Amino acid sequence: MINRILVTGATGFIGSHLTKRLVKKNFEVGIVKRRSSDIRRIKDLIDKVKVYNLDLEDTESVINTISHFRPQVIFHLAAHYAVEHSLQELSSMTKTNVLGVINLLEASRKFGIELFVNTSSCFVYKESKDKLKESDPLNPLNLYALTKIYTEQACTFYVEKYGLRVVTFRLFPPYGPFDHLRRLIPYTIKSFLEGREPRMTTGKQKWDFVYVDDVVEAYLRILFVYNLIKTHEIFNIGTGEAISIREIVLRIKEIMNTELEPKWNAIPHRKNEVWFMCADIKKIETFLKWKPRIHILDEGLKLTIEWYKRYLTKKGG
């Protein structure tokens, strides 16, 4: 029976939601974070979890942490993310995203971890006009996605050579409470709340957005079927439905009942713009009996808007 779980990236958007759910379900939880990490998302949990301050690229510290806490499962969500990296980020991104995972896998092998759950991205895929399957060709969008491909390959290596039990979740764009304010949905909500017209591209991109609670549910579901994992299993986490940026922004405007109009074509598209991304979720529906419950245009945006109204009012913007 699984009762002791280590979470990396617990101070981040998805990791904080996952950590809260694990604590609520009475798991014994350890978290790995940098000493400099902002703990605002989990400040109410700090006295309920075992905290390890370390850098994942520090091999000795990772080994010592796993040796001390002895988790049965590791949920790995920590990452250095950048849509377009700078030269200054090269070292940190490659060390955190690649060496960090290898250190965790090595510690998992050494101490007999029962399940290692790796977090990857939809941006590893070659762009397609069709829904993306786990077996589809890869062609990383950016350096971040390239590091994710390397970590997936490292996972496969440790499964085949050492018999580790590993799952990788490829996340399609998540959204919800406590997301980064620079991302589309929080940025739009904040702009309208402050009486500003959000500046947009054409808004013609169509992406598959998945609510954070649905993402967390997938991580929890794997705990019930992990004994069935025989190879490095990869699962998409999305909704199977792509919705245009324009439709999402206009729906936010409608829910917030504002007369402000988005400024379309105010900013250029990125050179590596993704025009369509949508998950084929048949595999995760079959294997984990998981499917998204929150539809973005119905309940998802309403939940997110209400949360940001409370949070930004309390924070003072």
Protein backbone atom coordinates (compact mmCIF):
# COMPACT_ATOMS: atom_id res chain seq x y z
CA MET A 1 0.00 0.00 0.00
CA ILE A 2 1.34 3.42 -0.97
CA ASN A 3 1.54 5.91 1.89
CA ARG A 4 4.82 7.84 1.47
CA ILE A 5 5.23 10.14 -1.53
CA LEU A 6 7.91 12.64 -2.52
CA VAL A 7 6.94 15.59 -4.72
CA THR A 8 9.40 17.75 -6.63
CA GLY A 9 8.14 21.10 -7.88
CA ALA A 10 5.70 21.29 -4.97
CA THR A 11 5.89 25.08 -4.89
CA GLY A 12 4.87 25.35 -8.54
CA PHE A 13 1.42 25.63 -10.09
CA ILE A 14 0.51 21.97 -10.57
CA GLY A 15 2.82 20.64 -7.86
CA SER A 16 1.16 22.79 -5.20
CA HIS A 17 -2.31 21.55 -6.12
CA LEU A 18 -1.06 17.96 -6.10
CA THR A 19 0.65 18.39 -2.73
CA LYS A 20 -2.53 19.82 -1.19
CA ARG A 21 -4.58 16.86 -2.43
CA LEU A 22 -2.04 14.34 -1.14
CA VAL A 23 -1.97 15.95 2.30
CA LYS A 24 -5.77 16.08 2.35
CA LYS A 25 -5.84 12.35 1.59
CA ASN A 26 -3.49 11.71 4.52
CA PHE A 27 -0.44 10.58 2.58
CA GLU A 28 2.94 11.11 4.22
CA VAL A 29 4.38 13.75 1.92
CA GLY A 30 7.90 15.00 1.41
CA ILE A 31 8.70 17.91 -0.91
CA VAL A 32 11.87 18.96 -2.64
CA LYS A 33 12.44 22.67 -3.26
CA ARG A 34 15.21 25.16 -3.73
CA ARG A 35 16.00 27.29 -0.70
CA SER A 36 15.03 30.36 -2.72
CA SER A 37 11.65 28.99 -3.83
CA ASP A 38 8.56 31.10 -3.26
CA ILE A 39 6.32 29.05 -0.97
CA ARG A 40 3.19 31.24 -1.20
CA ARG A 41 1.20 28.47 -2.91
CA ILE A 42 1.86 25.96 -0.13
CA LYS A 43 2.54 28.16 2.89
CA ASP A 44 -0.37 26.56 4.76
CA LEU A 45 1.15 23.10 4.22
CA ILE A 46 4.74 23.63 5.30
CA ASP A 47 4.15 22.22 8.78
CA LYS A 48 2.30 19.21 7.31
CA VAL A 49 5.03 17.96 4.97
CA LYS A 50 8.69 17.06 5.24
CA VAL A 51 10.69 19.76 3.45
CA TYR A 52 14.03 19.11 1.75
CA ASN A 53 15.91 22.15 0.46
CA LEU A 54 18.23 21.17 -2.36
CA ASP A 55 19.05 21.56 -6.04
CA LEU A 56 18.12 18.53 -8.12
CA GLU A 57 21.37 18.79 -10.07
CA ASP A 58 23.27 18.09 -6.81
CA THR A 59 23.63 14.31 -7.09
CA GLU A 60 24.77 13.73 -3.51
CA SER A 61 21.92 15.80 -2.05
CA VAL A 62 19.33 13.92 -4.12
CA ILE A 63 20.72 10.54 -3.03
CA ASN A 64 20.79 11.63 0.62
CA THR A 65 17.23 12.93 0.46
CA ILE A 66 15.82 9.74 -1.02
CA SER A 67 17.85 7.72 1.47
CA HIS A 68 16.42 9.73 4.37
CA PHE A 69 12.75 10.00 3.35
CA ARG A 70 12.51 6.62 1.59
CA PRO A 71 9.43 7.40 -0.51
CA GLN A 72 7.53 4.64 -2.25
CA VAL A 73 6.54 6.98 -5.07
CA ILE A 74 8.15 10.07 -6.58
CA PHE A 75 6.00 12.60 -8.40
CA HIS A 76 8.46 14.68 -10.40
CA LEU A 77 7.09 18.07 -11.49
CA ALA A 78 10.05 20.40 -10.98
CA ALA A 79 11.34 22.04 -14.16
CA HIS A 80 13.02 25.11 -15.53
CA TYR A 81 10.52 26.40 -18.10
CA ALA A 82 10.96 28.97 -20.85
CA VAL A 83 9.06 29.33 -24.10
CA GLU A 84 12.13 30.93 -25.66
CA HIS A 85 15.30 30.48 -23.62
CA SER A 86 18.04 33.01 -23.09
CA LEU A 87 21.76 32.26 -23.01
CA GLN A 88 21.70 32.79 -19.25
CA GLU A 89 19.15 29.99 -18.86
CA LEU A 90 21.04 27.28 -20.75
CA SER A 91 22.93 25.90 -17.78
CA SER A 92 20.04 25.97 -15.32
CA MET A 93 17.55 24.49 -17.78
CA THR A 94 19.73 21.58 -18.81
CA LYS A 95 20.92 20.84 -15.28
CA THR A 96 17.47 20.99 -13.67
CA ASN A 97 15.51 19.32 -16.45
CA VAL A 98 17.98 16.63 -17.50
CA LEU A 99 20.59 16.01 -14.81
CA GLY A 100 17.94 16.48 -12.12
CA VAL A 101 15.81 13.68 -13.56
CA ILE A 102 18.77 11.35 -13.98
CA ASN A 103 19.73 11.95 -10.36
CA LEU A 104 16.20 11.09 -9.25
CA LEU A 105 16.11 7.98 -11.43
CA GLU A 106 19.46 6.84 -10.09
CA ALA A 107 18.26 7.34 -6.52
CA SER A 108 15.04 5.49 -7.38
CA ARG A 109 17.08 2.54 -8.66
CA LYS A 110 19.36 2.57 -5.64
CA PHE A 111 16.57 2.62 -3.05
CA GLY A 112 13.92 0.54 -4.80
CA ILE A 113 11.28 3.20 -5.47
CA GLU A 114 8.03 1.49 -6.48
CA LEU A 115 6.92 4.15 -8.98
CA PHE A 116 8.53 7.18 -10.60
CA VAL A 117 6.13 9.60 -12.31
CA ASN A 118 7.80 11.95 -14.76
CA THR A 119 6.14 15.12 -16.06
CA SER A 120 6.59 16.06 -19.70
CA SER A 121 4.91 18.40 -22.17
CA CYS A 122 2.74 18.42 -25.27
CA PHE A 123 5.39 20.63 -26.83
CA VAL A 124 7.55 17.57 -27.49
CA TYR A 125 5.27 16.62 -30.39
CA LYS A 126 5.62 17.48 -34.04
CA GLU A 127 2.78 19.85 -34.81
CA SER A 128 -0.19 18.18 -36.44
CA LYS A 129 -3.67 19.10 -37.63
CA ASP A 130 -4.94 15.94 -35.96
CA LYS A 131 -5.23 14.95 -32.33
CA LEU A 132 -1.86 13.90 -30.97
CA LYS A 133 -1.31 10.30 -29.88
CA GLU A 134 1.47 9.16 -27.58
CA SER A 135 3.02 7.25 -30.50
CA ASP A 136 3.12 10.28 -32.82
CA PRO A 137 6.45 11.75 -34.05
CA LEU A 138 8.36 14.11 -31.80
CA ASN A 139 9.81 17.45 -32.87
CA PRO A 140 10.44 19.74 -29.88
CA LEU A 141 9.03 23.26 -30.06
CA ASN A 142 11.82 24.78 -27.97
CA LEU A 143 14.80 23.90 -25.79
CA TYR A 144 12.51 23.19 -22.85
CA ALA A 145 10.69 20.56 -24.90
CA LEU A 146 14.01 19.13 -26.07
CA THR A 147 15.09 18.62 -22.45
CA LYS A 148 11.78 16.86 -21.84
CA ILE A 149 12.50 14.44 -24.68
CA TYR A 150 15.91 13.70 -23.15
CA THR A 151 14.28 12.99 -19.77
CA GLU A 152 11.73 10.68 -21.37
CA GLN A 153 14.60 8.78 -22.99
CA ALA A 154 16.37 8.60 -19.62
CA CYS A 155 13.22 7.13 -18.11
CA THR A 156 13.07 4.48 -20.83
CA PHE A 157 16.74 3.64 -20.23
CA TYR A 158 16.20 3.11 -16.48
CA VAL A 159 13.12 0.98 -17.15
CA GLU A 160 14.87 -1.25 -19.67
CA LYS A 161 18.24 -1.52 -17.91
CA TYR A 162 17.23 -1.54 -14.25
CA GLY A 163 13.56 -2.53 -14.19
CA LEU A 164 12.22 0.69 -12.70
CA ARG A 165 8.48 1.27 -12.93
CA VAL A 166 8.05 4.64 -14.68
CA VAL A 167 5.16 6.67 -16.05
CA THR A 168 5.40 9.92 -18.01
CA PHE A 169 2.50 12.35 -18.25
CA ARG A 170 2.60 14.69 -21.25
CA LEU A 171 0.59 17.69 -20.12
CA PHE A 172 -1.41 19.84 -22.49
CA PRO A 173 -1.81 23.47 -21.35
CA PRO A 174 -3.08 23.43 -17.75
CA TYR A 175 -4.97 26.33 -16.20
CA GLY A 176 -6.70 27.19 -12.94
CA PRO A 177 -6.13 28.90 -9.58
CA PHE A 178 -2.58 30.02 -8.76
CA ASP A 179 -1.34 29.77 -12.33
CA HIS A 180 1.41 32.18 -13.41
CA LEU A 181 -0.05 35.62 -14.02
CA ARG A 182 1.82 35.97 -17.29
CA ARG A 183 -0.09 33.10 -18.88
CA LEU A 184 -3.07 33.66 -21.12
CA ILE A 185 -6.03 33.04 -18.83
CA PRO A 186 -4.73 34.74 -15.65
CA TYR A 187 -3.36 37.64 -17.73
CA THR A 188 -6.75 38.18 -19.37
CA ILE A 189 -8.62 38.01 -16.07
CA LYS A 190 -6.18 40.38 -14.35
CA SER A 191 -6.35 42.85 -17.23
CA PHE A 192 -10.14 43.03 -17.11
CA LEU A 193 -10.12 43.31 -13.30
CA GLU A 194 -7.73 46.26 -13.54
CA GLY A 195 -9.77 47.95 -16.25
CA ARG A 196 -7.23 47.33 -18.99
CA GLU A 197 -7.83 45.91 -22.44
CA PRO A 198 -5.76 42.70 -22.78
CA ARG A 199 -3.32 42.81 -25.67
CA MET A 200 -3.59 39.75 -27.89
CA THR A 201 -2.32 38.17 -31.08
CA THR A 202 -4.95 37.22 -33.67
CA GLY A 203 -6.30 34.65 -31.22
CA LYS A 204 -6.70 32.09 -33.98
CA GLN A 205 -4.58 29.45 -32.24
CA LYS A 206 -6.59 26.45 -31.03
CA TRP A 207 -5.24 24.67 -27.95
CA ASP A 208 -6.38 21.94 -25.62
CA PHE A 209 -6.61 23.50 -22.13
CA VAL A 210 -7.08 21.18 -19.13
CA TYR A 211 -8.17 22.26 -15.65
CA VAL A 212 -5.60 21.73 -12.91
CA ASP A 213 -7.88 19.60 -10.71
CA ASP A 214 -8.33 17.17 -13.59
CA VAL A 215 -4.55 17.00 -14.03
CA VAL A 216 -4.07 16.23 -10.34
CA GLU A 217 -6.70 13.49 -10.52
CA ALA A 218 -4.60 11.68 -13.14
CA TYR A 219 -1.58 11.66 -10.81
CA LEU A 220 -3.73 10.23 -8.03
CA ARG A 221 -5.28 7.59 -10.29
CA ILE A 222 -1.90 6.13 -11.19
CA LEU A 223 -1.43 5.12 -7.54
CA PHE A 224 -4.23 2.58 -7.89
CA VAL A 225 -2.93 0.84 -11.00
CA TYR A 226 0.85 1.25 -10.77
CA ASN A 227 1.34 -2.51 -10.41
CA LEU A 228 0.11 -2.87 -13.99
CA ILE A 229 2.99 -0.74 -15.31
CA LYS A 230 5.42 -3.05 -17.12
CA THR A 231 7.22 -0.66 -19.46
CA HIS A 232 7.77 3.10 -19.60
CA GLU A 233 4.15 4.13 -20.11
CA ILE A 234 3.43 7.57 -21.57
CA PHE A 235 0.03 9.24 -21.27
CA ASN A 236 -1.41 12.46 -22.66
CA ILE A 237 -3.32 14.59 -20.16
CA GLY A 238 -5.71 16.87 -22.01
CA THR A 239 -9.41 17.11 -22.80
CA GLY A 240 -9.46 15.98 -26.41
CA GLU A 241 -10.96 19.31 -27.46
CA ALA A 242 -9.09 22.30 -28.88
CA ILE A 243 -10.63 25.75 -28.36
CA SER A 244 -9.42 28.97 -29.94
CA ILE A 245 -7.69 31.63 -27.88
CA ARG A 246 -10.23 34.12 -29.22
CA GLU A 247 -13.14 32.03 -27.96
CA ILE A 248 -11.58 31.67 -24.51
CA VAL A 249 -10.85 35.38 -24.15
CA LEU A 250 -14.33 36.37 -25.29
CA ARG A 251 -15.85 33.86 -22.87
CA ILE A 252 -13.84 35.43 -20.01
CA LYS A 253 -15.13 38.85 -21.10
CA GLU A 254 -18.70 37.51 -21.07
CA ILE A 255 -18.41 35.89 -17.64
CA MET A 256 -16.82 39.02 -16.17
CA ASN A 257 -19.52 41.18 -17.75
CA THR A 258 -17.08 43.85 -18.92
CA GLU A 259 -17.41 46.28 -21.80
CA LEU A 260 -13.64 46.28 -22.33
CA GLU A 261 -12.59 44.80 -25.65
CA PRO A 262 -9.47 42.68 -26.21
CA LYS A 263 -6.92 44.33 -28.49
CA TRP A 264 -6.55 41.74 -31.24
CA ASN A 265 -3.39 41.88 -33.38
CA ALA A 266 -1.72 44.07 -30.76
CA ILE A 267 1.23 41.71 -30.39
CA PRO A 268 2.90 39.50 -33.01
CA HIS A 269 2.81 35.74 -33.04
CA ARG A 270 5.95 33.91 -31.93
CA LYS A 271 8.21 32.59 -34.64
CA ASN A 272 7.50 29.08 -33.38
CA GLU A 273 3.78 29.64 -32.87
CA VAL A 274 1.69 26.50 -32.37
CA TRP A 275 -1.57 26.92 -34.26
CA PHE A 276 -3.24 23.68 -33.22
CA MET A 277 -2.63 21.26 -30.39
CA CYS A 278 -5.09 18.72 -29.13
CA ALA A 279 -4.64 15.52 -27.14
CA ASP A 280 -5.85 12.11 -28.10
CA ILE A 281 -6.75 10.79 -24.64
CA LYS A 282 -7.98 7.30 -25.50
CA LYS A 283 -4.98 5.64 -23.84
CA ILE A 284 -5.36 7.35 -20.46
CA GLU A 285 -9.14 6.89 -20.55
CA THR A 286 -8.64 3.16 -21.04
CA PHE A 287 -5.69 2.55 -18.73
CA LEU A 288 -6.46 4.88 -15.83
CA LYS A 289 -10.22 5.16 -16.31
CA TRP A 290 -9.58 8.90 -16.28
CA LYS A 291 -11.35 11.61 -18.19
CA PRO A 292 -11.59 15.38 -17.66
CA ARG A 293 -14.59 16.56 -15.67
CA ILE A 294 -14.25 20.34 -16.02
CA HIS A 295 -15.06 21.95 -19.38
CA ILE A 296 -13.21 25.20 -19.87
CA LEU A 297 -16.04 27.25 -21.38
CA ASP A 298 -18.56 26.09 -18.83
CA GLU A 299 -17.25 25.53 -15.32
CA GLY A 300 -13.48 25.92 -15.74
CA LEU A 301 -13.28 29.61 -16.54
CA LYS A 302 -15.91 30.48 -13.93
CA LEU A 303 -13.97 28.68 -11.20
CA THR A 304 -10.72 30.32 -12.29
CA ILE A 305 -12.20 33.83 -12.54
CA GLU A 306 -13.80 33.62 -9.09
CA TRP A 307 -10.53 32.48 -7.55
CA TYR A 308 -8.50 35.29 -9.14
CA LYS A 309 -11.07 37.86 -8.09
CA ARG A 310 -10.57 36.81 -4.46
CA TYR A 311 -6.79 36.38 -4.75
CA LEU A 312 -6.02 39.63 -6.56
CA THR A 313 -8.38 41.64 -4.35
CA LYS A 314 -6.72 40.24 -1.25
CA LYS A 315 -3.27 40.80 -2.74
CA GLY A 316 -4.14 44.30 -3.83
CA GLY A 317 -3.56 43.54 -7.52
